[in-house]
């Protein structure tokens, strides 16, 4: 029996999100560790990379929706797109860790 019984994008995203919050005080290693664990949970490289980008898309989408509700949809769209680019670039250690974790998970034999 293995620890990672639930595999896929959503459990991987949850692990990455929680560990990134808990290990946020480590500048590069915290997100990299979170990405690695999430990549192992994802089960393959494609799922790990998708799961590593979900938090950035959610935060940018929330900003877009909140800005549209307040009444400045054009400004919200610009701010949401800019924040998405910043978050994706800032999460490069998370994406790198997810890629490595997904590669390791593909090579690991689960019994």
N, C-alpha and C. Protein backbone atom coordinates (compact mmCIF):
# COMPACT_ATOMS: atom_id res chain seq x y z
N UNK A 1 0.84 -1.18 0.00
CA UNK A 1 0.00 0.00 0.00
C UNK A 1 0.89 1.24 0.00
N UNK A 2 0.52 2.20 -0.75
CA UNK A 2 1.31 3.42 -0.89
C UNK A 2 0.57 4.62 -0.32
N UNK A 3 1.29 5.66 -0.02
CA UNK A 3 0.70 6.88 0.53
C UNK A 3 -0.16 7.57 -0.52
N UNK A 4 0.27 7.55 -1.76
CA UNK A 4 -0.40 8.29 -2.83
C UNK A 4 -1.45 7.44 -3.52
N UNK A 5 -2.54 7.14 -2.81
CA UNK A 5 -3.61 6.35 -3.41
C UNK A 5 -4.42 7.18 -4.40
N UNK A 6 -4.68 8.41 -4.06
CA UNK A 6 -5.44 9.29 -4.94
C UNK A 6 -4.48 10.00 -5.88
N UNK A 7 -4.59 9.70 -7.15
CA UNK A 7 -3.72 10.32 -8.14
C UNK A 7 -4.56 11.14 -9.10
N UNK A 8 -3.94 12.17 -9.64
CA UNK A 8 -4.64 13.00 -10.61
C UNK A 8 -4.34 14.46 -10.38
N UNK A 9 -5.00 15.28 -11.17
CA UNK A 9 -4.72 16.72 -11.14
C UNK A 9 -5.22 17.36 -9.85
N UNK A 10 -6.43 17.03 -9.40
CA UNK A 10 -6.99 17.74 -8.25
C UNK A 10 -6.30 17.40 -6.94
N UNK A 11 -5.99 16.15 -6.64
CA UNK A 11 -5.21 15.91 -5.41
C UNK A 11 -3.81 16.53 -5.48
N UNK A 12 -3.22 16.53 -6.67
CA UNK A 12 -1.89 17.13 -6.84
C UNK A 12 -1.95 18.63 -6.62
N UNK A 13 -2.98 19.28 -7.15
CA UNK A 13 -3.14 20.71 -6.97
C UNK A 13 -3.31 21.05 -5.50
N UNK A 14 -4.07 20.25 -4.78
CA UNK A 14 -4.28 20.51 -3.36
C UNK A 14 -2.99 20.37 -2.58
N UNK A 15 -2.21 19.33 -2.87
CA UNK A 15 -0.91 19.16 -2.20
C UNK A 15 0.01 20.33 -2.50
N UNK A 16 0.07 20.74 -3.76
CA UNK A 16 0.94 21.86 -4.13
C UNK A 16 0.52 23.14 -3.44
N UNK A 17 -0.77 23.40 -3.40
CA UNK A 17 -1.27 24.62 -2.79
C UNK A 17 -0.97 24.65 -1.30
N UNK A 18 -1.29 23.58 -0.60
CA UNK A 18 -1.07 23.55 0.84
C UNK A 18 0.41 23.60 1.21
N UNK A 19 1.22 22.82 0.52
CA UNK A 19 2.65 22.82 0.83
C UNK A 19 3.32 24.14 0.44
N UNK A 20 2.87 24.76 -0.63
CA UNK A 20 3.43 26.06 -1.00
C UNK A 20 3.10 27.10 0.06
N UNK A 21 1.90 27.02 0.64
CA UNK A 21 1.56 27.94 1.74
C UNK A 21 2.41 27.68 2.98
N UNK A 22 2.58 26.40 3.31
CA UNK A 22 3.34 26.05 4.52
C UNK A 22 4.83 26.28 4.37
N UNK A 23 5.35 26.08 3.17
CA UNK A 23 6.79 26.22 2.94
C UNK A 23 7.13 27.53 2.24
N UNK A 24 6.26 28.49 2.28
CA UNK A 24 6.48 29.76 1.61
C UNK A 24 7.64 30.56 2.16
N UNK A 25 8.08 30.26 3.36
CA UNK A 25 9.20 30.98 3.96
C UNK A 25 10.54 30.54 3.38
N UNK A 26 10.57 29.45 2.63
CA UNK A 26 11.79 29.03 1.93
C UNK A 26 11.73 29.60 0.52
N UNK A 27 12.61 30.53 0.16
CA UNK A 27 12.46 31.26 -1.11
C UNK A 27 12.36 30.40 -2.36
N UNK A 28 13.24 29.47 -2.59
CA UNK A 28 13.18 28.67 -3.81
C UNK A 28 12.79 27.23 -3.51
N UNK A 29 13.27 26.71 -2.39
CA UNK A 29 13.06 25.31 -2.06
C UNK A 29 11.62 24.99 -1.68
N UNK A 30 10.92 25.93 -1.04
CA UNK A 30 9.54 25.68 -0.63
C UNK A 30 8.63 25.33 -1.80
N UNK A 31 8.55 26.19 -2.82
CA UNK A 31 7.72 25.84 -3.98
C UNK A 31 8.25 24.63 -4.75
N UNK A 32 9.56 24.45 -4.78
CA UNK A 32 10.11 23.29 -5.49
C UNK A 32 9.71 21.99 -4.79
N UNK A 33 9.75 21.97 -3.46
CA UNK A 33 9.34 20.79 -2.71
C UNK A 33 7.84 20.55 -2.91
N UNK A 34 7.05 21.62 -2.85
CA UNK A 34 5.61 21.50 -3.06
C UNK A 34 5.32 20.94 -4.46
N UNK A 35 6.03 21.43 -5.45
CA UNK A 35 5.84 20.93 -6.81
C UNK A 35 6.25 19.48 -6.96
N UNK A 36 7.33 19.09 -6.30
CA UNK A 36 7.79 17.70 -6.37
C UNK A 36 6.76 16.74 -5.77
N UNK A 37 6.26 17.09 -4.59
CA UNK A 37 5.25 16.24 -3.94
C UNK A 37 3.97 16.21 -4.77
N UNK A 38 3.57 17.36 -5.30
CA UNK A 38 2.40 17.39 -6.16
C UNK A 38 2.60 16.59 -7.44
N UNK A 39 3.82 16.64 -7.98
CA UNK A 39 4.12 15.85 -9.18
C UNK A 39 4.05 14.36 -8.91
N UNK A 40 4.53 13.94 -7.73
CA UNK A 40 4.40 12.53 -7.36
C UNK A 40 2.93 12.14 -7.23
N UNK A 41 2.14 13.03 -6.67
CA UNK A 41 0.72 12.75 -6.48
C UNK A 41 -0.01 12.73 -7.82
N UNK A 42 0.42 13.56 -8.75
CA UNK A 42 -0.27 13.63 -10.05
C UNK A 42 -0.15 12.32 -10.82
N UNK A 43 0.98 11.69 -10.75
CA UNK A 43 1.14 10.41 -11.42
C UNK A 43 1.83 10.46 -12.76
N UNK A 44 1.76 11.57 -13.46
CA UNK A 44 2.49 11.72 -14.72
C UNK A 44 2.84 13.18 -14.92
N UNK A 45 3.71 13.42 -15.88
CA UNK A 45 4.26 14.76 -16.07
C UNK A 45 3.21 15.75 -16.56
N UNK A 46 2.35 15.34 -17.47
CA UNK A 46 1.34 16.24 -18.01
C UNK A 46 0.38 16.71 -16.92
N UNK A 47 -0.09 15.79 -16.12
CA UNK A 47 -1.00 16.15 -15.03
C UNK A 47 -0.31 17.04 -14.00
N UNK A 48 0.97 16.77 -13.73
CA UNK A 48 1.71 17.57 -12.77
C UNK A 48 1.88 19.00 -13.25
N UNK A 49 2.17 19.19 -14.53
CA UNK A 49 2.33 20.54 -15.06
C UNK A 49 1.00 21.31 -15.09
N UNK A 50 -0.07 20.62 -15.41
CA UNK A 50 -1.38 21.27 -15.38
C UNK A 50 -1.74 21.67 -13.95
N UNK A 51 -1.50 20.77 -13.01
CA UNK A 51 -1.82 21.06 -11.61
C UNK A 51 -0.98 22.20 -11.05
N UNK A 52 0.23 22.38 -11.54
CA UNK A 52 1.08 23.46 -11.03
C UNK A 52 0.64 24.83 -11.52
N UNK A 53 -0.11 24.89 -12.61
CA UNK A 53 -0.57 26.17 -13.13
C UNK A 53 -1.97 26.55 -12.67
N UNK A 54 -2.70 25.63 -12.10
CA UNK A 54 -4.08 25.90 -11.66
C UNK A 54 -4.15 27.02 -10.63
N UNK A 55 -3.29 27.06 -9.59
CA UNK A 55 -3.42 28.16 -8.62
C UNK A 55 -3.26 29.54 -9.25
N UNK A 56 -2.35 29.69 -10.18
CA UNK A 56 -2.16 30.99 -10.84
C UNK A 56 -3.39 31.39 -11.63
N UNK A 57 -3.98 30.46 -12.33
CA UNK A 57 -5.17 30.75 -13.12
C UNK A 57 -6.35 31.10 -12.21
N UNK A 58 -6.48 30.42 -11.08
CA UNK A 58 -7.58 30.70 -10.16
C UNK A 58 -7.45 32.09 -9.56
N UNK A 59 -6.24 32.46 -9.12
CA UNK A 59 -6.05 33.79 -8.52
C UNK A 59 -6.32 34.88 -9.56
N UNK A 60 -5.82 34.73 -10.77
CA UNK A 60 -6.07 35.74 -11.81
C UNK A 60 -7.55 35.79 -12.17
N UNK A 61 -8.21 34.66 -12.21
CA UNK A 61 -9.65 34.64 -12.51
C UNK A 61 -10.48 35.31 -11.42
N UNK A 62 -10.10 35.09 -10.16
CA UNK A 62 -10.81 35.74 -9.05
C UNK A 62 -10.64 37.25 -9.15
N UNK A 63 -9.43 37.71 -9.47
CA UNK A 63 -9.21 39.14 -9.63
C UNK A 63 -10.05 39.70 -10.78
N UNK A 64 -10.14 38.98 -11.87
CA UNK A 64 -10.95 39.41 -13.00
C UNK A 64 -12.42 39.50 -12.63
N UNK A 65 -12.93 38.48 -11.94
CA UNK A 65 -14.34 38.48 -11.54
C UNK A 65 -14.63 39.59 -10.54
N UNK A 66 -13.76 39.76 -9.54
CA UNK A 66 -13.98 40.82 -8.56
C UNK A 66 -13.94 42.21 -9.19
N UNK A 67 -13.01 42.41 -10.11
CA UNK A 67 -12.94 43.69 -10.80
C UNK A 67 -14.15 43.94 -11.67
N UNK A 68 -14.67 42.90 -12.28
CA UNK A 68 -15.86 43.06 -13.12
C UNK A 68 -17.09 43.35 -12.27
N UNK A 69 -17.17 42.73 -11.10
CA UNK A 69 -18.31 42.97 -10.22
C UNK A 69 -18.29 44.39 -9.68
N UNK A 70 -17.11 44.90 -9.38
CA UNK A 70 -16.99 46.26 -8.85
C UNK A 70 -17.37 47.28 -9.92
N UNK A 71 -17.12 46.99 -11.17
CA UNK A 71 -17.53 47.90 -12.22
C UNK A 71 -16.43 48.40 -13.12
N UNK A 72 -15.25 47.82 -13.05
CA UNK A 72 -14.15 48.22 -13.91
C UNK A 72 -13.65 47.00 -14.70
N UNK A 73 -14.45 46.48 -15.63
CA UNK A 73 -14.09 45.23 -16.30
C UNK A 73 -12.85 45.33 -17.18
N UNK A 74 -12.62 46.45 -17.84
CA UNK A 74 -11.44 46.57 -18.71
C UNK A 74 -10.18 46.60 -17.86
N UNK A 75 -10.20 47.39 -16.80
CA UNK A 75 -9.06 47.44 -15.89
C UNK A 75 -8.85 46.09 -15.21
N UNK A 76 -9.94 45.41 -14.87
CA UNK A 76 -9.82 44.09 -14.25
C UNK A 76 -9.23 43.07 -15.21
N UNK A 77 -9.59 43.15 -16.49
CA UNK A 77 -9.03 42.23 -17.48
C UNK A 77 -7.54 42.46 -17.65
N UNK A 78 -7.14 43.71 -17.68
CA UNK A 78 -5.71 44.02 -17.82
C UNK A 78 -4.95 43.58 -16.58
N UNK A 79 -5.50 43.88 -15.41
CA UNK A 79 -4.83 43.49 -14.16
C UNK A 79 -4.81 41.98 -14.01
N UNK A 80 -5.88 41.29 -14.38
CA UNK A 80 -5.92 39.83 -14.29
C UNK A 80 -4.91 39.17 -15.21
N UNK A 81 -4.79 39.68 -16.43
CA UNK A 81 -3.81 39.12 -17.37
C UNK A 81 -2.39 39.39 -16.91
N UNK A 82 -2.14 40.60 -16.42
CA UNK A 82 -0.81 40.92 -15.91
C UNK A 82 -0.45 40.09 -14.70
N UNK A 83 -1.40 39.92 -13.80
CA UNK A 83 -1.15 39.11 -12.61
C UNK A 83 -0.93 37.65 -12.99
N UNK A 84 -1.64 37.16 -13.98
CA UNK A 84 -1.44 35.78 -14.43
C UNK A 84 -0.01 35.57 -14.91
N UNK A 85 0.51 36.51 -15.69
CA UNK A 85 1.89 36.40 -16.18
C UNK A 85 2.87 36.44 -15.02
N UNK A 86 2.66 37.35 -14.08
CA UNK A 86 3.55 37.45 -12.92
C UNK A 86 3.51 36.18 -12.09
N UNK A 87 2.31 35.63 -11.86
CA UNK A 87 2.19 34.42 -11.05
C UNK A 87 2.81 33.21 -11.73
N UNK A 88 2.66 33.11 -13.04
CA UNK A 88 3.26 31.98 -13.75
C UNK A 88 4.78 32.06 -13.69
N UNK A 89 5.33 33.25 -13.87
CA UNK A 89 6.79 33.40 -13.79
C UNK A 89 7.28 33.16 -12.37
N UNK A 90 6.52 33.64 -11.38
CA UNK A 90 6.93 33.46 -9.99
C UNK A 90 6.81 32.01 -9.54
N UNK A 91 5.98 31.23 -10.22
CA UNK A 91 5.82 29.84 -9.82
C UNK A 91 6.71 28.89 -10.62
N UNK A 92 7.76 29.40 -11.22
CA UNK A 92 8.68 28.53 -11.97
C UNK A 92 9.31 27.43 -11.10
N UNK A 93 9.70 27.70 -9.83
CA UNK A 93 10.20 26.59 -9.01
C UNK A 93 9.13 25.52 -8.77
N UNK A 94 7.88 25.93 -8.62
CA UNK A 94 6.79 24.98 -8.45
C UNK A 94 6.61 24.13 -9.70
N UNK A 95 6.68 24.76 -10.87
CA UNK A 95 6.53 24.04 -12.13
C UNK A 95 7.72 23.09 -12.34
N UNK A 96 8.93 23.55 -12.02
CA UNK A 96 10.11 22.68 -12.16
C UNK A 96 10.01 21.48 -11.23
N UNK A 97 9.60 21.72 -9.98
CA UNK A 97 9.42 20.61 -9.04
C UNK A 97 8.34 19.66 -9.50
N UNK A 98 7.25 20.20 -10.06
CA UNK A 98 6.17 19.35 -10.56
C UNK A 98 6.65 18.50 -11.73
N UNK A 99 7.45 19.08 -12.59
CA UNK A 99 7.98 18.33 -13.74
C UNK A 99 8.86 17.17 -13.26
N UNK A 100 9.75 17.45 -12.33
CA UNK A 100 10.63 16.40 -11.82
C UNK A 100 9.83 15.34 -11.07
N UNK A 101 8.87 15.78 -10.24
CA UNK A 101 8.04 14.82 -9.52
C UNK A 101 7.21 13.96 -10.45
N UNK A 102 6.70 14.54 -11.52
CA UNK A 102 5.94 13.75 -12.50
C UNK A 102 6.82 12.74 -13.22
N UNK A 103 8.05 13.15 -13.54
CA UNK A 103 8.98 12.21 -14.19
C UNK A 103 9.32 11.05 -13.26
N UNK A 104 9.58 11.36 -11.99
CA UNK A 104 9.91 10.31 -11.02
C UNK A 104 8.70 9.38 -10.83
N UNK A 105 7.50 9.96 -10.77
CA UNK A 105 6.29 9.18 -10.56
C UNK A 105 6.02 8.24 -11.73
N UNK A 106 6.33 8.66 -12.95
CA UNK A 106 6.15 7.81 -14.12
C UNK A 106 7.09 6.61 -14.09
N UNK A 107 8.26 6.79 -13.53
CA UNK A 107 9.26 5.73 -13.50
C UNK A 107 9.07 4.79 -12.31
N UNK A 108 8.32 5.24 -11.31
CA UNK A 108 8.13 4.46 -10.09
C UNK A 108 7.10 3.37 -10.31
N UNK A 109 7.37 2.19 -9.78
CA UNK A 109 6.44 1.08 -9.90
C UNK A 109 5.56 1.07 -8.66
N UNK A 110 4.25 1.12 -8.87
CA UNK A 110 3.30 1.12 -7.77
C UNK A 110 2.68 -0.26 -7.66
N UNK A 111 2.77 -0.85 -6.49
CA UNK A 111 2.23 -2.20 -6.29
C UNK A 111 1.12 -2.20 -5.29
